[in-house]
Amino acid sequence: MAYSFKTRGVCASTINFELNDGIVSNVSFIGGCNGNLKAISKLIEGMEAQKVISLLKGNKCGFKNTSCTDQLTIALEQALSKQSGN
């Protein structure tokens, strides 16, 4: 299932991704540090969402309380919750 998440407090404005049977694919960030975010998207392609969350949750960018990757974990948690009906 395809998801689009509006970020808060980071340079990227939106994160688009697919989540099927708990597996993350086709992640793309709109805005943000283009090269780094493309690399992260490639690294997590086909990874279990829970693994991505455990690796990246709480990651901060400079003085900010969050980061693009931390926002991705929030998006994944919300998507997992929707899929499980919570």
PDB file of N, CA and C in Angstrom:
ATOM      1  N   MET A   1       0.837  -1.161   0.000  1.00  0.00           N
ATOM      2  CA  MET A   1       0.000   0.000   0.000  1.00  0.00           C
ATOM      3  C   MET A   1       0.896   1.243   0.000  1.00  0.00           C
ATOM      4  N   ALA A   2       0.524   2.233  -0.771  1.00  0.00           N
ATOM      5  CA  ALA A   2       1.292   3.472  -0.895  1.00  0.00           C
ATOM      6  C   ALA A   2       0.863   4.472   0.173  1.00  0.00           C
ATOM      7  N   TYR A   3       1.850   5.183   0.705  1.00  0.00           N
ATOM      8  CA  TYR A   3       1.613   6.191   1.729  1.00  0.00           C
ATOM      9  C   TYR A   3       2.352   7.474   1.369  1.00  0.00           C
ATOM     10  N   SER A   4       1.799   8.591   1.817  1.00  0.00           N
ATOM     11  CA  SER A   4       2.433   9.896   1.679  1.00  0.00           C
ATOM     12  C   SER A   4       2.327  10.575   3.039  1.00  0.00           C
ATOM     13  N   PHE A   5       3.469  10.997   3.573  1.00  0.00           N
ATOM     14  CA  PHE A   5       3.530  11.560   4.923  1.00  0.00           C
ATOM     15  C   PHE A   5       4.082  12.972   4.867  1.00  0.00           C
ATOM     16  N   LYS A   6       3.338  13.938   5.423  1.00  0.00           N
ATOM     17  CA  LYS A   6       3.789  15.329   5.519  1.00  0.00           C
ATOM     18  C   LYS A   6       4.652  15.460   6.771  1.00  0.00           C
ATOM     19  N   THR A   7       5.904  15.837   6.580  1.00  0.00           N
ATOM     20  CA  THR A   7       6.851  15.923   7.688  1.00  0.00           C
ATOM     21  C   THR A   7       6.661  17.210   8.484  1.00  0.00           C
ATOM     22  N   ARG A   8       7.305  17.229   9.660  1.00  0.00           N
ATOM     23  CA  ARG A   8       7.290  18.414  10.521  1.00  0.00           C
ATOM     24  C   ARG A   8       8.699  18.677  11.030  1.00  0.00           C
ATOM     25  N   GLY A   9       9.153  19.916  10.909  1.00  0.00           N
ATOM     26  CA  GLY A   9      10.408  20.330  11.514  1.00  0.00           C
ATOM     27  C   GLY A   9      11.674  19.915  10.790  1.00  0.00           C
ATOM     28  N   VAL A  10      11.551  19.504   9.523  1.00  0.00           N
ATOM     29  CA  VAL A  10      12.725  19.084   8.751  1.00  0.00           C
ATOM     30  C   VAL A  10      12.686  19.717   7.358  1.00  0.00           C
ATOM     31  N   CYS A  11      13.772  19.583   6.635  1.00  0.00           N
ATOM     32  CA  CYS A  11      13.865  20.181   5.296  1.00  0.00           C
ATOM     33  C   CYS A  11      12.980  19.473   4.269  1.00  0.00           C
ATOM     34  N   ALA A  12      12.909  18.160   4.345  1.00  0.00           N
ATOM     35  CA  ALA A  12      12.026  17.427   3.434  1.00  0.00           C
ATOM     36  C   ALA A  12      10.578  17.728   3.815  1.00  0.00           C
ATOM     37  N   SER A  13       9.729  17.953   2.830  1.00  0.00           N
ATOM     38  CA  SER A  13       8.330  18.287   3.121  1.00  0.00           C
ATOM     39  C   SER A  13       7.421  17.066   3.148  1.00  0.00           C
ATOM     40  N   THR A  14       7.793  16.054   2.386  1.00  0.00           N
ATOM     41  CA  THR A  14       6.938  14.873   2.236  1.00  0.00           C
ATOM     42  C   THR A  14       7.804  13.632   2.075  1.00  0.00           C
ATOM     43  N   ILE A  15       7.303  12.522   2.614  1.00  0.00           N
ATOM     44  CA  ILE A  15       7.945  11.226   2.403  1.00  0.00           C
ATOM     45  C   ILE A  15       6.904  10.313   1.779  1.00  0.00           C
ATOM     46  N   ASN A  16       7.232   9.759   0.631  1.00  0.00           N
ATOM     47  CA  ASN A  16       6.369   8.789  -0.039  1.00  0.00           C
ATOM     48  C   ASN A  16       7.020   7.417   0.071  1.00  0.00           C
ATOM     49  N   PHE A  17       6.211   6.402   0.318  1.00  0.00           N
ATOM     50  CA  PHE A  17       6.742   5.048   0.435  1.00  0.00           C
ATOM     51  C   PHE A  17       5.629   4.032   0.278  1.00  0.00           C
ATOM     52  N   GLU A  18       6.030   2.791   0.111  1.00  0.00           N
ATOM     53  CA  GLU A  18       5.083   1.681   0.092  1.00  0.00           C
ATOM     54  C   GLU A  18       5.411   0.754   1.246  1.00  0.00           C
ATOM     55  N   LEU A  19       4.376   0.156   1.794  1.00  0.00           N
ATOM     56  CA  LEU A  19       4.527  -0.796   2.883  1.00  0.00           C
ATOM     57  C   LEU A  19       3.612  -1.976   2.597  1.00  0.00           C
ATOM     58  N   ASN A  20       4.217  -3.129   2.343  1.00  0.00           N
ATOM     59  CA  ASN A  20       3.470  -4.338   2.026  1.00  0.00           C
ATOM     60  C   ASN A  20       3.991  -5.475   2.881  1.00  0.00           C
ATOM     61  N   ASP A  21       3.092  -6.075   3.664  1.00  0.00           N
ATOM     62  CA  ASP A  21       3.457  -7.163   4.568  1.00  0.00           C
ATOM     63  C   ASP A  21       4.629  -6.782   5.468  1.00  0.00           C
ATOM     64  N   GLY A  22       4.649  -5.508   5.906  1.00  0.00           N
ATOM     65  CA  GLY A  22       5.685  -5.035   6.814  1.00  0.00           C
ATOM     66  C   GLY A  22       7.009  -4.705   6.164  1.00  0.00           C
ATOM     67  N   ILE A  23       7.058  -4.768   4.824  1.00  0.00           N
ATOM     68  CA  ILE A  23       8.302  -4.520   4.085  1.00  0.00           C
ATOM     69  C   ILE A  23       8.228  -3.137   3.416  1.00  0.00           C
ATOM     70  N   VAL A  24       9.287  -2.359   3.597  1.00  0.00           N
ATOM     71  CA  VAL A  24       9.375  -0.997   3.061  1.00  0.00           C
ATOM     72  C   VAL A  24       9.933  -1.022   1.638  1.00  0.00           C
ATOM     73  N   SER A  25       9.319  -0.227   0.751  1.00  0.00           N
ATOM     74  CA  SER A  25       9.842  -0.111  -0.612  1.00  0.00           C
ATOM     75  C   SER A  25       9.499   1.256  -1.193  1.00  0.00           C
ATOM     76  N   ASN A  26      10.188   1.592  -2.266  1.00  0.00           N
ATOM     77  CA  ASN A  26       9.923   2.804  -3.049  1.00  0.00           C
ATOM     78  C   ASN A  26       9.860   4.075  -2.198  1.00  0.00           C
ATOM     79  N   VAL A  27      10.826   4.238  -1.306  1.00  0.00           N
ATOM     80  CA  VAL A  27      10.872   5.424  -0.451  1.00  0.00           C
ATOM     81  C   VAL A  27      11.445   6.589  -1.247  1.00  0.00           C
ATOM     82  N   SER A  28      10.760   7.728  -1.169  1.00  0.00           N
ATOM     83  CA  SER A  28      11.282   8.947  -1.783  1.00  0.00           C
ATOM     84  C   SER A  28      10.934  10.134  -0.892  1.00  0.00           C
ATOM     85  N   PHE A  29      11.877  11.053  -0.794  1.00  0.00           N
ATOM     86  CA  PHE A  29      11.713  12.257   0.003  1.00  0.00           C
ATOM     87  C   PHE A  29      11.571  13.439  -0.949  1.00  0.00           C
ATOM     88  N   ILE A  30      10.647  14.343  -0.650  1.00  0.00           N
ATOM     89  CA  ILE A  30      10.491  15.571  -1.410  1.00  0.00           C
ATOM     90  C   ILE A  30      11.198  16.662  -0.606  1.00  0.00           C
ATOM     91  N   GLY A  31      12.282  17.193  -1.162  1.00  0.00           N
ATOM     92  CA  GLY A  31      13.094  18.171  -0.451  1.00  0.00           C
ATOM     93  C   GLY A  31      14.149  17.466   0.387  1.00  0.00           C
ATOM     94  N   GLY A  32      14.838  18.233   1.200  1.00  0.00           N
ATOM     95  CA  GLY A  32      15.870  17.669   2.058  1.00  0.00           C
ATOM     96  C   GLY A  32      17.195  17.485   1.333  1.00  0.00           C
ATOM     97  N   CYS A  33      18.096  16.777   1.969  1.00  0.00           N
ATOM     98  CA  CYS A  33      19.443  16.528   1.429  1.00  0.00           C
ATOM     99  C   CYS A  33      19.361  15.405   0.401  1.00  0.00           C
ATOM    100  N   ASN A  34      19.215  15.782  -0.833  1.00  0.00           N
ATOM    101  CA  ASN A  34      18.900  14.863  -1.925  1.00  0.00           C
ATOM    102  C   ASN A  34      19.779  13.618  -1.970  1.00  0.00           C
ATOM    103  N   GLY A  35      21.079  13.783  -1.989  1.00  0.00           N
ATOM    104  CA  GLY A  35      21.977  12.630  -2.106  1.00  0.00           C
ATOM    105  C   GLY A  35      21.879  11.699  -0.915  1.00  0.00           C
ATOM    106  N   ASN A  36      21.896  12.255   0.288  1.00  0.00           N
ATOM    107  CA  ASN A  36      21.818  11.428   1.489  1.00  0.00           C
ATOM    108  C   ASN A  36      20.494  10.682   1.581  1.00  0.00           C
ATOM    109  N   LEU A  37      19.404  11.365   1.268  1.00  0.00           N
ATOM    110  CA  LEU A  37      18.099  10.724   1.382  1.00  0.00           C
ATOM    111  C   LEU A  37      17.881   9.666   0.309  1.00  0.00           C
ATOM    112  N   LYS A  38      18.446   9.872  -0.884  1.00  0.00           N
ATOM    113  CA  LYS A  38      18.385   8.823  -1.905  1.00  0.00           C
ATOM    114  C   LYS A  38      19.169   7.602  -1.452  1.00  0.00           C
ATOM    115  N   ALA A  39      20.315   7.829  -0.823  1.00  0.00           N
ATOM    116  CA  ALA A  39      21.137   6.710  -0.337  1.00  0.00           C
ATOM    117  C   ALA A  39      20.403   5.942   0.758  1.00  0.00           C
ATOM    118  N   ILE A  40      19.794   6.655   1.693  1.00  0.00           N
ATOM    119  CA  ILE A  40      19.045   5.993   2.759  1.00  0.00           C
ATOM    120  C   ILE A  40      17.901   5.179   2.164  1.00  0.00           C
ATOM    121  N   SER A  41      17.218   5.757   1.182  1.00  0.00           N
ATOM    122  CA  SER A  41      16.108   5.041   0.531  1.00  0.00           C
ATOM    123  C   SER A  41      16.585   3.731  -0.083  1.00  0.00           C
ATOM    124  N   LYS A  42      17.754   3.751  -0.712  1.00  0.00           N
ATOM    125  CA  LYS A  42      18.310   2.524  -1.298  1.00  0.00           C
ATOM    126  C   LYS A  42      18.695   1.516  -0.230  1.00  0.00           C
ATOM    127  N   LEU A  43      19.260   2.004   0.872  1.00  0.00           N
ATOM    128  CA  LEU A  43      19.712   1.103   1.938  1.00  0.00           C
ATOM    129  C   LEU A  43      18.565   0.378   2.635  1.00  0.00           C
ATOM    130  N   ILE A  44      17.416   1.039   2.743  1.00  0.00           N
ATOM    131  CA  ILE A  44      16.300   0.413   3.463  1.00  0.00           C
ATOM    132  C   ILE A  44      15.320  -0.305   2.541  1.00  0.00           C
ATOM    133  N   GLU A  45      15.538  -0.241   1.246  1.00  0.00           N
ATOM    134  CA  GLU A  45      14.666  -0.926   0.277  1.00  0.00           C
ATOM    135  C   GLU A  45      14.584  -2.410   0.618  1.00  0.00           C
ATOM    136  N   GLY A  46      13.358  -2.911   0.794  1.00  0.00           N
ATOM    137  CA  GLY A  46      13.135  -4.324   1.077  1.00  0.00           C
ATOM    138  C   GLY A  46      13.334  -4.713   2.539  1.00  0.00           C
ATOM    139  N   MET A  47      13.600  -3.739   3.387  1.00  0.00           N
ATOM    140  CA  MET A  47      13.836  -4.014   4.806  1.00  0.00           C
ATOM    141  C   MET A  47      12.501  -4.040   5.561  1.00  0.00           C
ATOM    142  N   GLU A  48      12.448  -4.792   6.634  1.00  0.00           N
ATOM    143  CA  GLU A  48      11.259  -4.806   7.478  1.00  0.00           C
ATOM    144  C   GLU A  48      11.104  -3.437   8.139  1.00  0.00           C
ATOM    145  N   ALA A  49       9.879  -2.939   8.165  1.00  0.00           N
ATOM    146  CA  ALA A  49       9.604  -1.623   8.739  1.00  0.00           C
ATOM    147  C   ALA A  49      10.074  -1.536  10.189  1.00  0.00           C
ATOM    148  N   GLN A  50       9.848  -2.583  10.961  1.00  0.00           N
ATOM    149  CA  GLN A  50      10.271  -2.561  12.374  1.00  0.00           C
ATOM    150  C   GLN A  50      11.782  -2.421  12.502  1.00  0.00           C
ATOM    151  N   LYS A  51      12.535  -3.004  11.594  1.00  0.00           N
ATOM    152  CA  LYS A  51      13.990  -2.880  11.605  1.00  0.00           C
ATOM    153  C   LYS A  51      14.396  -1.440  11.293  1.00  0.00           C
ATOM    154  N   VAL A  52      13.757  -0.840  10.299  1.00  0.00           N
ATOM    155  CA  VAL A  52      14.033   0.556   9.949  1.00  0.00           C
ATOM    156  C   VAL A  52      13.750   1.445  11.163  1.00  0.00           C
ATOM    157  N   ILE A  53      12.635   1.213  11.811  1.00  0.00           N
ATOM    158  CA  ILE A  53      12.255   1.996  12.986  1.00  0.00           C
ATOM    159  C   ILE A  53      13.300   1.849  14.085  1.00  0.00           C
ATOM    160  N   SER A  54      13.712   0.629  14.343  1.00  0.00           N
ATOM    161  CA  SER A  54      14.691   0.411  15.428  1.00  0.00           C
ATOM    162  C   SER A  54      16.045   1.048  15.108  1.00  0.00           C
ATOM    163  N   LEU A  55      16.411   1.122  13.842  1.00  0.00           N
ATOM    164  CA  LEU A  55      17.688   1.720  13.449  1.00  0.00           C
ATOM    165  C   LEU A  55      17.665   3.246  13.451  1.00  0.00           C
ATOM    166  N   LEU A  56      16.562   3.848  13.038  1.00  0.00           N
ATOM    167  CA  LEU A  56      16.550   5.276  12.748  1.00  0.00           C
ATOM    168  C   LEU A  56      15.738   6.143  13.708  1.00  0.00           C
ATOM    169  N   LYS A  57      14.899   5.559  14.539  1.00  0.00           N
ATOM    170  CA  LYS A  57      14.051   6.335  15.446  1.00  0.00           C
ATOM    171  C   LYS A  57      14.901   7.156  16.406  1.00  0.00           C
ATOM    172  N   GLY A  58      14.548   8.426  16.533  1.00  0.00           N
ATOM    173  CA  GLY A  58      15.246   9.311  17.458  1.00  0.00           C
ATOM    174  C   GLY A  58      16.473   9.989  16.874  1.00  0.00           C
ATOM    175  N   ASN A  59      16.819   9.673  15.632  1.00  0.00           N
ATOM    176  CA  ASN A  59      17.956  10.319  14.979  1.00  0.00           C
ATOM    177  C   ASN A  59      17.648  11.814  14.830  1.00  0.00           C
ATOM    178  N   LYS A  60      18.604  12.659  15.195  1.00  0.00           N
ATOM    179  CA  LYS A  60      18.406  14.106  15.132  1.00  0.00           C
ATOM    180  C   LYS A  60      19.301  14.722  14.074  1.00  0.00           C
ATOM    181  N   CYS A  61      18.876  15.864  13.555  1.00  0.00           N
ATOM    182  CA  CYS A  61      19.637  16.595  12.554  1.00  0.00           C
ATOM    183  C   CYS A  61      20.073  17.922  13.160  1.00  0.00           C
ATOM    184  N   GLY A  62      21.366  18.064  13.414  1.00  0.00           N
ATOM    185  CA  GLY A  62      21.885  19.298  13.980  1.00  0.00           C
ATOM    186  C   GLY A  62      21.178  19.665  15.269  1.00  0.00           C
ATOM    187  N   PHE A  63      20.674  20.876  15.346  1.00  0.00           N
ATOM    188  CA  PHE A  63      20.011  21.386  16.550  1.00  0.00           C
ATOM    189  C   PHE A  63      18.534  20.999  16.625  1.00  0.00           C
ATOM    190  N   LYS A  64      18.017  20.377  15.584  1.00  0.00           N
ATOM    191  CA  LYS A  64      16.603  20.009  15.545  1.00  0.00           C
ATOM    192  C   LYS A  64      16.343  18.795  16.443  1.00  0.00           C
ATOM    193  N   ASN A  65      15.106  18.656  16.900  1.00  0.00           N
ATOM    194  CA  ASN A  65      14.721  17.520  17.732  1.00  0.00           C
ATOM    195  C   ASN A  65      14.352  16.294  16.911  1.00  0.00           C
ATOM    196  N   THR A  66      14.440  16.393  15.608  1.00  0.00           N
ATOM    197  CA  THR A  66      14.075  15.306  14.710  1.00  0.00           C
ATOM    198  C   THR A  66      14.978  15.371  13.474  1.00  0.00           C
ATOM    199  N   SER A  67      14.743  14.501  12.540  1.00  0.00           N
ATOM    200  CA  SER A  67      15.466  14.484  11.268  1.00  0.00           C
ATOM    201  C   SER A  67      14.547  13.872  10.225  1.00  0.00           C
ATOM    202  N   CYS A  68      14.976  13.902   8.988  1.00  0.00           N
ATOM    203  CA  CYS A  68      14.171  13.279   7.934  1.00  0.00           C
ATOM    204  C   CYS A  68      13.996  11.784   8.199  1.00  0.00           C
ATOM    205  N   THR A  69      15.058  11.131   8.664  1.00  0.00           N
ATOM    206  CA  THR A  69      14.942   9.694   8.933  1.00  0.00           C
ATOM    207  C   THR A  69      14.070   9.421  10.155  1.00  0.00           C
ATOM    208  N   ASP A  70      14.125  10.289  11.158  1.00  0.00           N
ATOM    209  CA  ASP A  70      13.240  10.151  12.313  1.00  0.00           C
ATOM    210  C   ASP A  70      11.793  10.336  11.875  1.00  0.00           C
ATOM    211  N   GLN A  71      11.546  11.297  10.985  1.00  0.00           N
ATOM    212  CA  GLN A  71      10.202  11.493  10.450  1.00  0.00           C
ATOM    213  C   GLN A  71       9.738  10.257   9.678  1.00  0.00           C
ATOM    214  N   LEU A  72      10.650   9.617   8.984  1.00  0.00           N
ATOM    215  CA  LEU A  72      10.309   8.371   8.287  1.00  0.00           C
ATOM    216  C   LEU A  72       9.830   7.320   9.282  1.00  0.00           C
ATOM    217  N   THR A  73      10.476   7.222  10.433  1.00  0.00           N
ATOM    218  CA  THR A  73      10.050   6.216  11.418  1.00  0.00           C
ATOM    219  C   THR A  73       8.643   6.522  11.931  1.00  0.00           C
ATOM    220  N   ILE A  74       8.330   7.802  12.093  1.00  0.00           N
ATOM    221  CA  ILE A  74       6.979   8.184  12.513  1.00  0.00           C
ATOM    222  C   ILE A  74       5.972   7.777  11.438  1.00  0.00           C
ATOM    223  N   ALA A  75       6.323   8.031  10.189  1.00  0.00           N
ATOM    224  CA  ALA A  75       5.451   7.652   9.074  1.00  0.00           C
ATOM    225  C   ALA A  75       5.240   6.138   9.031  1.00  0.00           C
ATOM    226  N   LEU A  76       6.308   5.385   9.224  1.00  0.00           N
ATOM    227  CA  LEU A  76       6.206   3.927   9.213  1.00  0.00           C
ATOM    228  C   LEU A  76       5.353   3.423  10.368  1.00  0.00           C
ATOM    229  N   GLU A  77       5.538   4.000  11.549  1.00  0.00           N
ATOM    230  CA  GLU A  77       4.722   3.598  12.703  1.00  0.00           C
ATOM    231  C   GLU A  77       3.242   3.858  12.443  1.00  0.00           C
ATOM    232  N   GLN A  78       2.931   5.001  11.857  1.00  0.00           N
ATOM    233  CA  GLN A  78       1.538   5.316  11.543  1.00  0.00           C
ATOM    234  C   GLN A  78       0.973   4.359  10.502  1.00  0.00           C
ATOM    235  N   ALA A  79       1.767   4.050   9.482  1.00  0.00           N
ATOM    236  CA  ALA A  79       1.315   3.123   8.445  1.00  0.00           C
ATOM    237  C   ALA A  79       1.089   1.730   9.017  1.00  0.00           C
ATOM    238  N   LEU A  80       2.003   1.273   9.857  1.00  0.00           N
ATOM    239  CA  LEU A  80       1.839  -0.043  10.489  1.00  0.00           C
ATOM    240  C   LEU A  80       0.586  -0.079  11.348  1.00  0.00           C
ATOM    241  N   SER A  81       0.334   1.006  12.057  1.00  0.00           N
ATOM    242  CA  SER A  81      -0.855   1.093  12.898  1.00  0.00           C
ATOM    243  C   SER A  81      -2.127   1.036  12.057  1.00  0.00           C
ATOM    244  N   LYS A  82      -2.144   1.757  10.937  1.00  0.00           N
ATOM    245  CA  LYS A  82      -3.300   1.725  10.033  1.00  0.00           C
ATOM    246  C   LYS A  82      -3.538   0.330   9.499  1.00  0.00           C
ATOM    247  N   GLN A  83      -2.436  -0.337   9.117  1.00  0.00           N
ATOM    248  CA  GLN A  83      -2.578  -1.676   8.538  1.00  0.00           C
ATOM    249  C   GLN A  83      -3.076  -2.692   9.565  1.00  0.00           C
ATOM    250  N   SER A  84      -2.734  -2.476  10.829  1.00  0.00           N
ATOM    251  CA  SER A  84      -3.174  -3.429  11.850  1.00  0.00           C
ATOM    252  C   SER A  84      -4.542  -3.060  12.408  1.00  0.00           C
ATOM    253  N   GLY A  85      -5.079  -1.902  11.975  1.00  0.00           N
ATOM    254  CA  GLY A  85      -6.412  -1.496  12.392  1.00  0.00           C
ATOM    255  C   GLY A  85      -6.463  -0.764  13.711  1.00  0.00           C
ATOM    256  N   ASN A  86      -5.336  -0.312  14.214  1.00  0.00           N
ATOM    257  CA  ASN A  86      -5.312   0.446  15.486  1.00  0.00           C
ATOM    258  C   ASN A  86      -5.477   1.917  15.262  1.00  0.00           C
TER     259      ASN A  86
END
